[in-house]
Structures are given as C-alpha cells and as structure tokens.
Amino acid sequence: MDEERDFVVFTDEEGNEFELDVVTYFDYKDNEYAILADCNEESEDEEGGLYIMRIIVSEDGETEEFVPPEDEEMDDLIAYAEQILEEDDCCCGCGDECDCEDGDCGCGEHEHDCHCGCHDKE
C-alpha cells in the first residue's frame, strides 16, 4: 500500500526553507487547493500543523504555485477541508481512507476490516 507522497518546499520571511507534505488535493468553487501538513511540527491537536493553499497552474501547465487563499474565503475553506479530512478517516484510526459506507462503521461485521489495508501493515 505504498503510495507516492507529494512534498512542497516553502521559504519563510527569514529565508529558511521548510517542507510540507500534501495530505490531499481538492476543488472548491472552480479552484484547486491542497491541504498540507507540517510533519516536523509536534502538536497534540490532531489538526495542528495543517495548512490550506490554493494551487495556481502556469499557462503552459508545467509549474504549480502554492499561494495562501484570500482571507474572506478561509472560514468556508476550513469547514470544507475539515469535512474532507473527516470523510477520509479510517474507522480503525490508521488515517487511511475507509471503504465502509459510513466511514466509521462500528457494526462489528468487518471485525475491523475496513478494506483500507491498515491491518496488512501490522
């Protein structure tokens, strides 16, 4: 179940480079966005270290630029991103996408086999 992960390198105001891991891409109101995670940031909050960036593709389609969304759309984007992350949570807590119909089946019929492959990793 190894899947290739996307990483994006950013530079802060002081010229320091840091890397963010792309959690997922999504479309919202005719624009493409990414949810990115700072894998180096220690946080007790499950959603700490997450960022939403708008993706602007060059006219030739060769390059992508990640830019912060407009302030006035952030509340809607955060709510939409939280919904996406909630839907993607595996019922076993492994963080993989779950194939169970309601995403958190708890029905006992699957004996924690939600078809995401998380038990194959054990």
Protein backbone atom coordinates (compact mmCIF):
# COMPACT_ATOMS: atom_id res chain seq x y z
CA MET A 1 0.00 0.00 0.00
CA ASP A 2 2.91 2.33 -0.51
CA GLU A 3 1.70 5.42 -2.27
CA GLU A 4 3.87 8.20 -3.54
CA ARG A 5 3.65 11.32 -1.41
CA ASP A 6 3.96 14.90 -2.59
CA PHE A 7 6.17 17.32 -0.70
CA VAL A 8 6.39 21.06 -1.32
CA VAL A 9 9.29 23.26 -0.22
CA PHE A 10 8.47 26.77 1.00
CA THR A 11 10.67 29.66 2.14
CA ASP A 12 9.68 31.76 5.15
CA GLU A 13 10.22 35.51 5.63
CA GLU A 14 13.70 34.88 7.05
CA GLY A 15 14.85 32.77 4.11
CA ASN A 16 14.54 29.43 5.90
CA GLU A 17 13.28 26.54 3.80
CA PHE A 18 10.74 24.10 5.18
CA GLU A 19 8.91 21.16 3.68
CA LEU A 20 5.18 20.42 3.83
CA ASP A 21 3.55 17.11 2.98
CA VAL A 22 0.48 17.24 0.72
CA VAL A 23 -2.30 15.44 2.58
CA THR A 24 -4.84 15.76 -0.23
CA TYR A 25 -5.92 17.93 -3.13
CA PHE A 26 -9.46 19.21 -3.58
CA ASP A 27 -11.52 21.51 -5.79
CA TYR A 28 -13.62 24.28 -4.31
CA LYS A 29 -15.54 26.92 -6.26
CA ASP A 30 -13.64 26.28 -9.52
CA ASN A 31 -10.21 26.48 -7.88
CA GLU A 32 -7.77 23.75 -6.87
CA TYR A 33 -6.49 23.62 -3.30
CA ALA A 34 -4.23 21.41 -1.22
CA ILE A 35 -4.25 20.51 2.45
CA LEU A 36 -0.65 20.38 3.61
CA ALA A 37 0.85 19.07 6.84
CA ASP A 38 3.99 20.14 8.62
CA CYS A 39 5.37 16.72 9.53
CA ASN A 40 8.07 18.28 11.68
CA GLU A 41 5.64 20.19 13.89
CA GLU A 42 4.88 18.48 17.18
CA SER A 43 1.27 19.06 18.19
CA GLU A 44 -1.20 17.38 20.49
CA ASP A 45 -4.02 18.77 18.35
CA GLU A 46 -4.79 16.28 15.58
CA GLU A 47 -5.20 19.11 13.08
CA GLY A 48 -2.26 21.18 14.28
CA GLY A 49 0.27 21.98 11.59
CA LEU A 50 -2.25 21.79 8.73
CA TYR A 51 -2.38 24.43 6.02
CA ILE A 52 -4.66 25.14 3.08
CA MET A 53 -3.06 26.56 -0.07
CA ARG A 54 -4.55 27.49 -3.42
CA ILE A 55 -2.79 25.96 -6.42
CA ILE A 56 -2.18 28.13 -9.45
CA VAL A 57 -1.03 26.27 -12.54
CA SER A 58 1.08 28.12 -15.11
CA GLU A 59 -0.41 28.72 -18.55
CA ASP A 60 1.82 26.06 -20.07
CA GLY A 61 0.75 23.59 -17.36
CA GLU A 62 4.37 22.92 -16.42
CA THR A 63 4.55 24.50 -12.96
CA GLU A 64 2.33 24.90 -9.92
CA GLU A 65 2.46 27.74 -7.44
CA PHE A 66 1.04 27.29 -3.93
CA VAL A 67 -0.39 30.55 -2.57
CA PRO A 68 -2.42 31.35 0.53
CA PRO A 69 -6.17 31.71 -0.10
CA GLU A 70 -7.94 35.03 0.31
CA ASP A 71 -8.80 35.84 3.95
CA GLU A 72 -12.51 36.20 3.18
CA GLU A 73 -12.76 32.60 1.92
CA MET A 74 -10.75 30.95 4.72
CA ASP A 75 -13.68 30.14 7.03
CA ASP A 76 -15.52 28.32 4.23
CA LEU A 77 -12.34 26.55 3.11
CA ILE A 78 -11.51 25.40 6.63
CA ALA A 79 -15.01 23.98 7.08
CA TYR A 80 -14.82 22.21 3.71
CA ALA A 81 -11.32 20.85 4.43
CA GLU A 82 -12.43 19.54 7.84
CA GLN A 83 -15.28 17.72 6.12
CA ILE A 84 -12.85 16.16 3.62
CA LEU A 85 -10.47 15.05 6.37
CA GLU A 86 -13.32 13.61 8.41
CA GLU A 87 -14.57 11.59 5.43
CA ASP A 88 -11.06 10.24 4.79
CA ASP A 89 -10.54 8.96 8.34
CA CYS A 90 -10.35 5.21 8.58
CA CYS A 91 -12.63 3.65 11.18
CA CYS A 92 -9.55 1.92 12.63
CA GLY A 93 -7.78 5.22 13.26
CA CYS A 94 -4.93 4.46 10.86
CA GLY A 95 -5.59 7.61 8.81
CA ASP A 96 -6.20 5.74 5.56
CA GLU A 97 -9.35 6.14 3.51
CA CYS A 98 -12.08 3.82 4.61
CA ASP A 99 -14.30 1.80 2.27
CA CYS A 100 -17.03 1.37 4.87
CA GLU A 101 -20.21 3.11 3.80
CA ASP A 102 -20.44 5.50 6.73
CA GLY A 103 -16.66 5.86 7.29
CA ASP A 104 -16.98 4.76 10.93
CA CYS A 105 -18.98 1.57 10.63
CA GLY A 106 -18.56 0.13 14.12
CA CYS A 107 -21.01 -2.56 13.02
CA GLY A 108 -18.72 -5.41 14.01
CA GLU A 109 -19.37 -7.24 10.76
CA HIS A 110 -15.98 -6.24 9.40
CA GLU A 111 -14.05 -7.17 12.53
CA HIS A 112 -12.04 -4.01 11.86
CA ASP A 113 -11.51 -5.00 8.23
CA CYS A 114 -12.45 -1.76 6.54
CA HIS A 115 -10.61 -2.72 3.33
CA CYS A 116 -8.13 0.12 3.65
CA GLY A 117 -5.25 -2.29 4.16
CA CYS A 118 -4.22 -0.86 7.53
CA HIS A 119 -4.12 -4.33 9.08
CA ASP A 120 -1.81 -5.54 6.33
CA LYS A 121 0.78 -3.12 7.74
CA GLU A 122 0.82 -4.76 11.18
